[in-house]
């Protein structure tokens, strides 16, 4: 069995106390300082990591805002381009319609002028023909007044035939 000796116990307590005092005097402060330094480094690392995380979040928000702004600018540019294209298209259509209307008016005017020329030619030819026929029938030439009267009478007879009012 184990036998306890009081001298051994006393020497063990004395040596243990001296060892604790020596460790406290020489090793305790460096150990505590090392633990404090390690605690400080861990805290600093956590603070830097938290700061880096905040910076990353701030940069992500700025990036998201820049992307949203770029998208909005792109949409505005597309809308502006569409509006510009529609305006150009409308101007081209209006110009084409105006040109078509002008061409139609010119064609109507030209047709009307040609019709008037043709009617005048018909009237002149009919008048000359009437005078020639009358001269042959009567057998003599007409003076200027007789000629004008015959032309007027022939014109009045021809106007209903060509669709012109009296």
N, C-alpha and C. Protein backbone atom coordinates (compact mmCIF):
# COMPACT_ATOMS: atom_id res chain seq x y z
N UNK A 1 0.80 -1.18 0.00
CA UNK A 1 0.00 0.00 0.00
C UNK A 1 0.84 1.25 0.00
N UNK A 2 0.16 2.20 -0.25
CA UNK A 2 0.82 3.46 -0.38
C UNK A 2 0.92 4.12 1.00
N UNK A 3 2.09 4.51 1.29
CA UNK A 3 2.30 5.06 2.61
C UNK A 3 2.67 6.53 2.47
N UNK A 4 2.03 7.39 3.19
CA UNK A 4 2.29 8.81 3.10
C UNK A 4 3.35 9.20 4.13
N UNK A 5 4.33 9.87 3.57
CA UNK A 5 5.37 10.32 4.49
C UNK A 5 5.26 11.82 4.62
N UNK A 6 5.21 12.33 5.88
CA UNK A 6 5.00 13.75 6.06
C UNK A 6 6.18 14.57 5.53
N UNK A 7 7.38 14.14 5.57
CA UNK A 7 8.54 14.89 5.09
C UNK A 7 8.49 15.05 3.59
N UNK A 8 8.06 13.99 2.92
CA UNK A 8 7.97 14.02 1.46
C UNK A 8 6.85 14.98 1.03
N UNK A 9 5.81 14.98 1.81
CA UNK A 9 4.68 15.87 1.48
C UNK A 9 5.13 17.32 1.66
N UNK A 10 5.84 17.61 2.72
CA UNK A 10 6.27 18.97 3.00
C UNK A 10 7.24 19.42 1.90
N UNK A 11 8.22 18.55 1.56
CA UNK A 11 9.17 18.91 0.51
C UNK A 11 8.45 19.08 -0.83
N UNK A 12 7.46 18.30 -1.10
CA UNK A 12 6.70 18.43 -2.36
C UNK A 12 5.98 19.77 -2.38
N UNK A 13 5.39 20.15 -1.25
CA UNK A 13 4.66 21.43 -1.19
C UNK A 13 5.66 22.58 -1.33
N UNK A 14 6.81 22.48 -0.68
CA UNK A 14 7.81 23.55 -0.75
C UNK A 14 8.33 23.68 -2.19
N UNK A 15 8.67 22.58 -2.80
CA UNK A 15 9.20 22.62 -4.18
C UNK A 15 8.11 23.13 -5.13
N UNK A 16 6.90 22.66 -4.91
CA UNK A 16 5.80 23.13 -5.79
C UNK A 16 5.60 24.63 -5.61
N UNK A 17 5.65 25.14 -4.38
CA UNK A 17 5.46 26.57 -4.12
C UNK A 17 6.59 27.37 -4.74
N UNK A 18 7.83 26.88 -4.61
CA UNK A 18 8.98 27.58 -5.20
C UNK A 18 8.83 27.60 -6.72
N UNK A 19 8.42 26.47 -7.28
CA UNK A 19 8.23 26.39 -8.73
C UNK A 19 7.15 27.37 -9.19
N UNK A 20 6.06 27.45 -8.41
CA UNK A 20 4.98 28.38 -8.78
C UNK A 20 5.50 29.81 -8.67
N UNK A 21 6.27 30.13 -7.61
CA UNK A 21 6.81 31.47 -7.46
C UNK A 21 7.79 31.79 -8.58
N UNK A 22 8.65 30.84 -8.93
CA UNK A 22 9.60 31.05 -10.02
C UNK A 22 8.86 31.25 -11.35
N UNK A 23 7.88 30.41 -11.59
CA UNK A 23 7.10 30.55 -12.83
C UNK A 23 6.38 31.89 -12.85
N UNK A 24 5.84 32.26 -11.68
CA UNK A 24 5.13 33.53 -11.62
C UNK A 24 6.11 34.66 -11.85
N UNK A 25 7.28 34.58 -11.30
CA UNK A 25 8.26 35.65 -11.40
C UNK A 25 8.85 35.71 -12.81
N UNK A 26 9.20 34.61 -13.42
CA UNK A 26 9.87 34.58 -14.71
C UNK A 26 8.95 34.24 -15.88
N UNK A 27 8.02 33.35 -15.74
CA UNK A 27 7.24 32.85 -16.88
C UNK A 27 5.82 33.40 -16.92
N UNK A 28 5.25 33.75 -15.80
CA UNK A 28 3.84 34.14 -15.78
C UNK A 28 3.59 35.37 -16.65
N UNK A 29 4.38 36.43 -16.47
CA UNK A 29 4.17 37.65 -17.25
C UNK A 29 4.35 37.41 -18.74
N UNK A 30 5.39 36.68 -19.19
CA UNK A 30 5.50 36.41 -20.63
C UNK A 30 4.34 35.57 -21.16
N UNK A 31 3.85 34.60 -20.35
CA UNK A 31 2.72 33.77 -20.80
C UNK A 31 1.47 34.63 -20.93
N UNK A 32 1.21 35.44 -19.90
CA UNK A 32 0.03 36.33 -19.93
C UNK A 32 0.18 37.32 -21.08
N UNK A 33 1.39 37.86 -21.27
CA UNK A 33 1.62 38.80 -22.36
C UNK A 33 1.39 38.13 -23.71
N UNK A 34 1.86 36.89 -23.85
CA UNK A 34 1.65 36.16 -25.11
C UNK A 34 0.17 35.90 -25.35
N UNK A 35 -0.54 35.53 -24.27
CA UNK A 35 -1.99 35.30 -24.41
C UNK A 35 -2.70 36.62 -24.76
N UNK A 36 -2.29 37.71 -24.07
CA UNK A 36 -2.89 39.02 -24.39
C UNK A 36 -2.59 39.44 -25.83
N UNK A 37 -1.36 39.21 -26.28
CA UNK A 37 -0.97 39.55 -27.65
C UNK A 37 -1.77 38.74 -28.65
N UNK A 38 -1.92 37.47 -28.38
CA UNK A 38 -2.71 36.60 -29.27
C UNK A 38 -4.16 37.06 -29.30
N UNK A 39 -4.71 37.41 -28.12
CA UNK A 39 -6.09 37.90 -28.06
C UNK A 39 -6.22 39.19 -28.88
N UNK A 40 -5.23 40.09 -28.74
CA UNK A 40 -5.26 41.36 -29.49
C UNK A 40 -5.18 41.10 -30.99
N UNK A 41 -4.31 40.19 -31.43
CA UNK A 41 -4.19 39.87 -32.87
C UNK A 41 -5.47 39.26 -33.42
N UNK A 42 -6.08 38.39 -32.63
CA UNK A 42 -7.35 37.78 -33.08
C UNK A 42 -8.42 38.86 -33.20
N UNK A 43 -8.48 39.76 -32.20
CA UNK A 43 -9.46 40.85 -32.23
C UNK A 43 -9.21 41.76 -33.43
N UNK A 44 -7.92 42.11 -33.68
CA UNK A 44 -7.59 42.95 -34.84
C UNK A 44 -7.96 42.25 -36.15
N UNK A 45 -7.69 40.97 -36.22
CA UNK A 45 -8.05 40.21 -37.43
C UNK A 45 -9.56 40.21 -37.64
N UNK A 46 -10.31 40.03 -36.55
CA UNK A 46 -11.78 40.05 -36.67
C UNK A 46 -12.26 41.44 -37.09
N UNK A 47 -11.64 42.50 -36.51
CA UNK A 47 -12.02 43.87 -36.89
C UNK A 47 -11.71 44.13 -38.37
N UNK A 48 -10.53 43.69 -38.83
CA UNK A 48 -10.19 43.88 -40.25
C UNK A 48 -11.13 43.09 -41.16
N UNK A 49 -11.47 41.88 -40.73
CA UNK A 49 -12.40 41.06 -41.53
C UNK A 49 -13.77 41.73 -41.60
N UNK A 50 -14.21 42.28 -40.45
CA UNK A 50 -15.50 42.96 -40.44
C UNK A 50 -15.47 44.21 -41.32
N UNK A 51 -14.36 44.96 -41.25
CA UNK A 51 -14.20 46.15 -42.09
C UNK A 51 -14.16 45.76 -43.57
N UNK A 52 -13.45 44.69 -43.88
CA UNK A 52 -13.39 44.22 -45.27
C UNK A 52 -14.77 43.79 -45.75
N UNK A 53 -15.53 43.16 -44.88
CA UNK A 53 -16.88 42.74 -45.24
C UNK A 53 -17.76 43.96 -45.49
N UNK A 54 -17.62 44.99 -44.63
CA UNK A 54 -18.39 46.22 -44.84
C UNK A 54 -18.00 46.88 -46.15
N UNK A 55 -16.70 46.93 -46.44
CA UNK A 55 -16.23 47.52 -47.70
C UNK A 55 -16.76 46.73 -48.90
N UNK A 56 -16.72 45.42 -48.78
CA UNK A 56 -17.22 44.58 -49.88
C UNK A 56 -18.72 44.82 -50.09
N UNK A 57 -19.47 44.94 -49.01
CA UNK A 57 -20.91 45.19 -49.13
C UNK A 57 -21.17 46.57 -49.74
N UNK A 58 -20.37 47.58 -49.30
CA UNK A 58 -20.52 48.93 -49.85
C UNK A 58 -20.18 48.92 -51.34
N UNK A 59 -19.11 48.23 -51.72
CA UNK A 59 -18.73 48.16 -53.13
C UNK A 59 -19.78 47.41 -53.95
N UNK A 60 -20.37 46.37 -53.37
CA UNK A 60 -21.42 45.63 -54.07
C UNK A 60 -22.63 46.53 -54.31
N UNK A 61 -22.99 47.34 -53.29
CA UNK A 61 -24.11 48.26 -53.46
C UNK A 61 -23.80 49.30 -54.53
N UNK A 62 -22.57 49.84 -54.52
CA UNK A 62 -22.18 50.80 -55.56
C UNK A 62 -22.23 50.15 -56.94
N UNK A 63 -21.75 48.93 -57.03
CA UNK A 63 -21.77 48.20 -58.30
C UNK A 63 -23.21 47.99 -58.77
N UNK A 64 -24.09 47.59 -57.84
CA UNK A 64 -25.50 47.41 -58.20
C UNK A 64 -26.11 48.71 -58.68
N UNK A 65 -25.76 49.82 -58.01
CA UNK A 65 -26.28 51.12 -58.43
C UNK A 65 -25.76 51.50 -59.81
N UNK A 66 -24.47 51.23 -60.06
CA UNK A 66 -23.91 51.54 -61.37
C UNK A 66 -24.58 50.71 -62.46
N UNK A 67 -24.83 49.44 -62.17
CA UNK A 67 -25.50 48.57 -63.15
C UNK A 67 -26.92 49.08 -63.41
N UNK A 68 -27.63 49.44 -62.33
CA UNK A 68 -29.00 49.95 -62.50
C UNK A 68 -28.99 51.24 -63.31
N UNK A 69 -28.02 52.11 -63.04
CA UNK A 69 -27.92 53.37 -63.78
C UNK A 69 -27.61 53.10 -65.25
N UNK A 70 -26.69 52.17 -65.51
CA UNK A 70 -26.34 51.83 -66.90
C UNK A 70 -27.54 51.24 -67.63
N UNK A 71 -28.29 50.38 -66.94
CA UNK A 71 -29.49 49.82 -67.56
C UNK A 71 -30.50 50.91 -67.88
N UNK A 72 -30.70 51.84 -66.94
CA UNK A 72 -31.65 52.92 -67.17
C UNK A 72 -31.20 53.79 -68.34
N UNK A 73 -29.90 54.10 -68.40
CA UNK A 73 -29.39 54.89 -69.51
C UNK A 73 -29.58 54.16 -70.83
N UNK A 74 -29.35 52.85 -70.83
CA UNK A 74 -29.55 52.06 -72.05
C UNK A 74 -31.01 52.08 -72.47
N UNK A 75 -31.92 51.93 -71.50
CA UNK A 75 -33.35 51.97 -71.83
C UNK A 75 -33.74 53.34 -72.33
N UNK A 76 -33.20 54.41 -71.72
CA UNK A 76 -33.50 55.76 -72.18
C UNK A 76 -32.99 55.97 -73.60
N UNK A 77 -31.79 55.46 -73.87
CA UNK A 77 -31.22 55.60 -75.21
C UNK A 77 -32.05 54.84 -76.24
N UNK A 78 -32.50 53.65 -75.87
CA UNK A 78 -33.35 52.86 -76.78
C UNK A 78 -34.66 53.60 -77.04
N UNK A 79 -35.27 54.13 -75.97
CA UNK A 79 -36.54 54.86 -76.14
C UNK A 79 -36.33 56.10 -77.00
N UNK A 80 -35.23 56.80 -76.77
CA UNK A 80 -34.94 58.00 -77.56
C UNK A 80 -34.72 57.63 -79.03
N UNK A 81 -34.00 56.54 -79.26
CA UNK A 81 -33.75 56.08 -80.64
C UNK A 81 -35.06 55.69 -81.33
N UNK A 82 -35.92 54.98 -80.59
CA UNK A 82 -37.22 54.61 -81.17
C UNK A 82 -38.03 55.84 -81.53
N UNK A 83 -38.06 56.81 -80.60
CA UNK A 83 -38.83 58.02 -80.85
C UNK A 83 -38.26 58.77 -82.05
N UNK A 84 -36.93 58.84 -82.13
CA UNK A 84 -36.28 59.51 -83.26
C UNK A 84 -36.60 58.79 -84.57
N UNK A 85 -36.58 57.46 -84.55
CA UNK A 85 -36.90 56.69 -85.75
C UNK A 85 -38.35 56.90 -86.16
N UNK A 86 -39.25 56.92 -85.17
CA UNK A 86 -40.67 57.14 -85.48
C UNK A 86 -40.88 58.53 -86.05
N UNK A 87 -40.20 59.53 -85.49
CA UNK A 87 -40.31 60.89 -85.99
C UNK A 87 -39.80 60.97 -87.43
N UNK A 88 -38.65 60.34 -87.69
CA UNK A 88 -38.10 60.34 -89.04
C UNK A 88 -39.05 59.63 -90.00
N UNK A 89 -39.62 58.50 -89.56
CA UNK A 89 -40.56 57.77 -90.40
C UNK A 89 -41.78 58.64 -90.71
N UNK A 90 -42.32 59.31 -89.68
CA UNK A 90 -43.49 60.17 -89.89
C UNK A 90 -43.17 61.31 -90.85
N UNK A 91 -41.97 61.89 -90.71
CA UNK A 91 -41.58 62.97 -91.62
C UNK A 91 -41.49 62.46 -93.05
N UNK A 92 -40.90 61.29 -93.23
CA UNK A 92 -40.77 60.71 -94.57
C UNK A 92 -42.14 60.43 -95.17
N UNK A 93 -43.05 59.88 -94.36
CA UNK A 93 -44.41 59.57 -94.84
C UNK A 93 -45.12 60.87 -95.21
N UNK A 94 -45.01 61.89 -94.35
CA UNK A 94 -45.67 63.16 -94.64
C UNK A 94 -45.10 63.79 -95.91
N UNK A 95 -43.78 63.72 -96.05
CA UNK A 95 -43.15 64.28 -97.25
C UNK A 95 -43.62 63.53 -98.49
N UNK A 96 -43.69 62.20 -98.41
CA UNK A 96 -44.15 61.41 -99.55
C UNK A 96 -45.60 61.72 -99.88
N UNK A 97 -46.43 61.88 -98.84
CA UNK A 97 -47.84 62.22 -99.08
C UNK A 97 -47.95 63.60 -99.72
N UNK A 98 -47.15 64.55 -99.24
CA UNK A 98 -47.18 65.90 -99.81
C UNK A 98 -46.74 65.87 -101.27
N UNK A 99 -45.69 65.10 -101.57
CA UNK A 99 -45.23 64.98 -102.95
C UNK A 99 -46.30 64.33 -103.83
N UNK A 100 -46.94 63.30 -103.30
CA UNK A 100 -47.99 62.62 -104.07
C UNK A 100 -49.15 63.58 -104.32
N UNK A 101 -49.51 64.35 -103.29
CA UNK A 101 -50.60 65.33 -103.45
C UNK A 101 -50.21 66.39 -104.48
N UNK A 102 -48.97 66.86 -104.42
CA UNK A 102 -48.51 67.87 -105.38
C UNK A 102 -48.51 67.30 -106.80
N UNK A 103 -48.07 66.04 -106.93
CA UNK A 103 -48.08 65.41 -108.26
C UNK A 103 -49.52 65.27 -108.77
N UNK A 104 -50.43 64.90 -107.89
CA UNK A 104 -51.83 64.76 -108.29
C UNK A 104 -52.40 66.12 -108.72
N UNK A 105 -52.07 67.17 -107.97
CA UNK A 105 -52.55 68.51 -108.33
C UNK A 105 -51.97 68.96 -109.67
N UNK A 106 -50.67 68.69 -109.87
CA UNK A 106 -50.06 69.04 -111.16
C UNK A 106 -50.72 68.27 -112.30
N UNK A 107 -50.97 66.98 -112.06
CA UNK A 107 -51.60 66.16 -113.10
C UNK A 107 -53.00 66.69 -113.41
N UNK A 108 -53.77 67.04 -112.38
CA UNK A 108 -55.11 67.60 -112.60
C UNK A 108 -55.03 68.91 -113.38
N UNK A 109 -54.08 69.77 -112.99
CA UNK A 109 -53.92 71.05 -113.67
C UNK A 109 -53.52 70.83 -115.13
N UNK A 110 -52.56 69.91 -115.35
CA UNK A 110 -52.12 69.63 -116.72
C UNK A 110 -53.27 69.06 -117.55
N UNK A 111 -54.04 68.15 -116.95
CA UNK A 111 -55.19 67.58 -117.66
C UNK A 111 -56.19 68.67 -118.00
N UNK A 112 -56.45 69.55 -117.03
CA UNK A 112 -57.40 70.64 -117.26
C UNK A 112 -56.91 71.57 -118.37
N UNK A 113 -55.60 71.89 -118.35
CA UNK A 113 -55.05 72.77 -119.39
C UNK A 113 -55.14 72.10 -120.76
N UNK A 114 -54.79 70.83 -120.81
CA UNK A 114 -54.86 70.11 -122.08
C UNK A 114 -56.30 70.02 -122.58
N UNK A 115 -57.23 69.83 -121.65
CA UNK A 115 -58.65 69.78 -122.03
C UNK A 115 -59.09 71.13 -122.60
N UNK A 116 -58.66 72.21 -121.92
CA UNK A 116 -59.00 73.55 -122.41
C UNK A 116 -58.40 73.79 -123.79
N UNK A 117 -57.15 73.38 -123.97
CA UNK A 117 -56.51 73.54 -125.28
C UNK A 117 -57.26 72.76 -126.35
N UNK A 118 -57.63 71.52 -126.01
CA UNK A 118 -58.35 70.68 -126.97
C UNK A 118 -59.70 71.30 -127.31
N UNK A 119 -60.40 71.81 -126.29
CA UNK A 119 -61.70 72.45 -126.55
C UNK A 119 -61.54 73.70 -127.42
N UNK A 120 -60.52 74.50 -127.14
CA UNK A 120 -60.27 75.69 -127.95
C UNK A 120 -59.97 75.30 -129.40
N UNK A 121 -59.17 74.24 -129.55
CA UNK A 121 -58.84 73.77 -130.89
C UNK A 121 -60.09 73.28 -131.62
N UNK A 122 -60.95 72.54 -130.87
CA UNK A 122 -62.21 72.06 -131.47
C UNK A 122 -63.07 73.25 -131.87
N UNK A 123 -63.16 74.25 -131.00
CA UNK A 123 -63.98 75.43 -131.29
C UNK A 123 -63.45 76.16 -132.52
N UNK A 124 -62.12 76.34 -132.56
CA UNK A 124 -61.53 77.04 -133.69
C UNK A 124 -61.76 76.27 -134.99
N UNK A 125 -61.51 74.95 -134.93
CA UNK A 125 -61.69 74.12 -136.12
C UNK A 125 -63.16 74.11 -136.54
N UNK A 126 -64.05 73.99 -135.57
CA UNK A 126 -65.48 73.99 -135.89
C UNK A 126 -65.89 75.32 -136.51
N UNK A 127 -65.35 76.41 -135.99
CA UNK A 127 -65.67 77.73 -136.53
C UNK A 127 -65.20 77.87 -137.96
N UNK A 128 -63.95 77.47 -138.20
CA UNK A 128 -63.42 77.54 -139.55
C UNK A 128 -64.21 76.65 -140.50
N UNK A 129 -64.53 75.45 -140.03
CA UNK A 129 -65.29 74.51 -140.84
C UNK A 129 -66.68 75.08 -141.15
N UNK A 130 -67.29 75.69 -140.16
CA UNK A 130 -68.61 76.29 -140.37
C UNK A 130 -68.55 77.42 -141.38
N UNK A 131 -67.53 78.23 -141.28
CA UNK A 131 -67.38 79.35 -142.21
C UNK A 131 -67.17 78.81 -143.62
N UNK A 132 -66.32 77.81 -143.76
CA UNK A 132 -66.06 77.24 -145.08
C UNK A 132 -67.34 76.63 -145.66
N UNK A 133 -68.09 75.90 -144.84
CA UNK A 133 -69.33 75.29 -145.32
C UNK A 133 -70.33 76.37 -145.70
N UNK A 134 -70.44 77.37 -144.86
CA UNK A 134 -71.39 78.46 -145.13
C UNK A 134 -70.99 79.20 -146.40
N UNK A 135 -69.68 79.41 -146.57
CA UNK A 135 -69.21 80.13 -147.76
C UNK A 135 -69.51 79.32 -149.01
N UNK A 136 -69.36 78.03 -148.91
CA UNK A 136 -69.65 77.20 -150.06
C UNK A 136 -71.15 77.18 -150.35
N UNK A 137 -71.95 77.12 -149.28
CA UNK A 137 -73.39 77.08 -149.48
C UNK A 137 -73.87 78.42 -150.04
N UNK A 138 -73.43 79.46 -149.47
CA UNK A 138 -73.88 80.78 -149.90
C UNK A 138 -73.18 81.15 -151.20
N UNK A 139 -71.97 80.68 -151.33
CA UNK A 139 -71.22 80.96 -152.54
C UNK A 139 -70.49 82.26 -152.49
N UNK A 140 -70.33 82.82 -151.40
CA UNK A 140 -69.61 84.07 -151.28
C UNK A 140 -68.83 84.09 -149.98
N UNK A 141 -67.96 85.01 -149.85
CA UNK A 141 -67.20 85.17 -148.62
C UNK A 141 -67.97 86.06 -147.68
N UNK A 142 -67.79 85.82 -146.44
CA UNK A 142 -68.49 86.60 -145.42
C UNK A 142 -67.58 87.73 -144.95
N UNK A 143 -68.22 88.80 -144.57
CA UNK A 143 -67.42 89.87 -143.98
C UNK A 143 -67.12 89.51 -142.52
N UNK A 144 -66.38 90.33 -141.83
CA UNK A 144 -65.92 90.02 -140.48
C UNK A 144 -67.09 89.90 -139.51
N UNK A 145 -68.10 90.76 -139.63
CA UNK A 145 -69.23 90.70 -138.71
C UNK A 145 -70.04 89.45 -138.95
N UNK A 146 -70.30 89.11 -140.20
CA UNK A 146 -71.03 87.88 -140.51
C UNK A 146 -70.26 86.66 -140.02
N UNK A 147 -68.97 86.73 -140.21
CA UNK A 147 -68.11 85.63 -139.76
C UNK A 147 -68.23 85.43 -138.24
N UNK A 148 -68.15 86.50 -137.47
CA UNK A 148 -68.25 86.41 -136.00
C UNK A 148 -69.61 85.87 -135.58
N UNK A 149 -70.65 86.32 -136.24
CA UNK A 149 -71.99 85.83 -135.89
C UNK A 149 -72.11 84.33 -136.15
N UNK A 150 -71.60 83.87 -137.28
CA UNK A 150 -71.67 82.45 -137.59
C UNK A 150 -70.84 81.62 -136.59
N UNK A 151 -69.68 82.14 -136.21
CA UNK A 151 -68.82 81.42 -135.25
C UNK A 151 -69.54 81.33 -133.91
N UNK A 152 -70.15 82.41 -133.45
CA UNK A 152 -70.87 82.38 -132.17
C UNK A 152 -72.01 81.38 -132.21
N UNK A 153 -72.71 81.40 -133.28
CA UNK A 153 -73.84 80.48 -133.41
C UNK A 153 -73.35 79.03 -133.43
N UNK A 154 -72.27 78.75 -134.14
CA UNK A 154 -71.73 77.40 -134.20
C UNK A 154 -71.22 76.97 -132.82
N UNK A 155 -70.59 77.89 -132.11
CA UNK A 155 -70.09 77.56 -130.76
C UNK A 155 -71.24 77.25 -129.82
N UNK A 156 -72.31 77.99 -129.93
CA UNK A 156 -73.46 77.71 -129.06
C UNK A 156 -74.07 76.35 -129.36
N UNK A 157 -73.99 75.94 -130.57
CA UNK A 157 -74.52 74.63 -130.92
C UNK A 157 -73.56 73.51 -130.49
N UNK A 158 -72.24 73.76 -130.47
CA UNK A 158 -71.25 72.73 -130.14
C UNK A 158 -71.08 72.57 -128.63
N UNK A 159 -71.24 73.63 -127.87
CA UNK A 159 -71.01 73.57 -126.41
C UNK A 159 -71.79 72.45 -125.73
N UNK A 160 -73.04 72.24 -125.98
CA UNK A 160 -73.72 71.13 -125.31
C UNK A 160 -73.13 69.77 -125.70
N UNK A 161 -72.56 69.68 -126.88
CA UNK A 161 -72.00 68.41 -127.32
C UNK A 161 -70.71 68.05 -126.58
N UNK A 162 -69.91 69.07 -126.21
CA UNK A 162 -68.64 68.81 -125.53
C UNK A 162 -68.78 68.91 -124.01
N UNK A 163 -69.95 69.18 -123.53
CA UNK A 163 -70.18 69.18 -122.08
C UNK A 163 -69.89 70.50 -121.43
N UNK A 164 -69.91 71.59 -122.17
CA UNK A 164 -69.63 72.89 -121.60
C UNK A 164 -70.94 73.68 -121.54
N UNK A 165 -71.23 74.38 -120.45
CA UNK A 165 -72.48 75.14 -120.37
C UNK A 165 -72.46 76.33 -121.31
N UNK A 166 -73.62 76.82 -121.65
CA UNK A 166 -73.74 77.96 -122.59
C UNK A 166 -73.17 79.23 -122.02
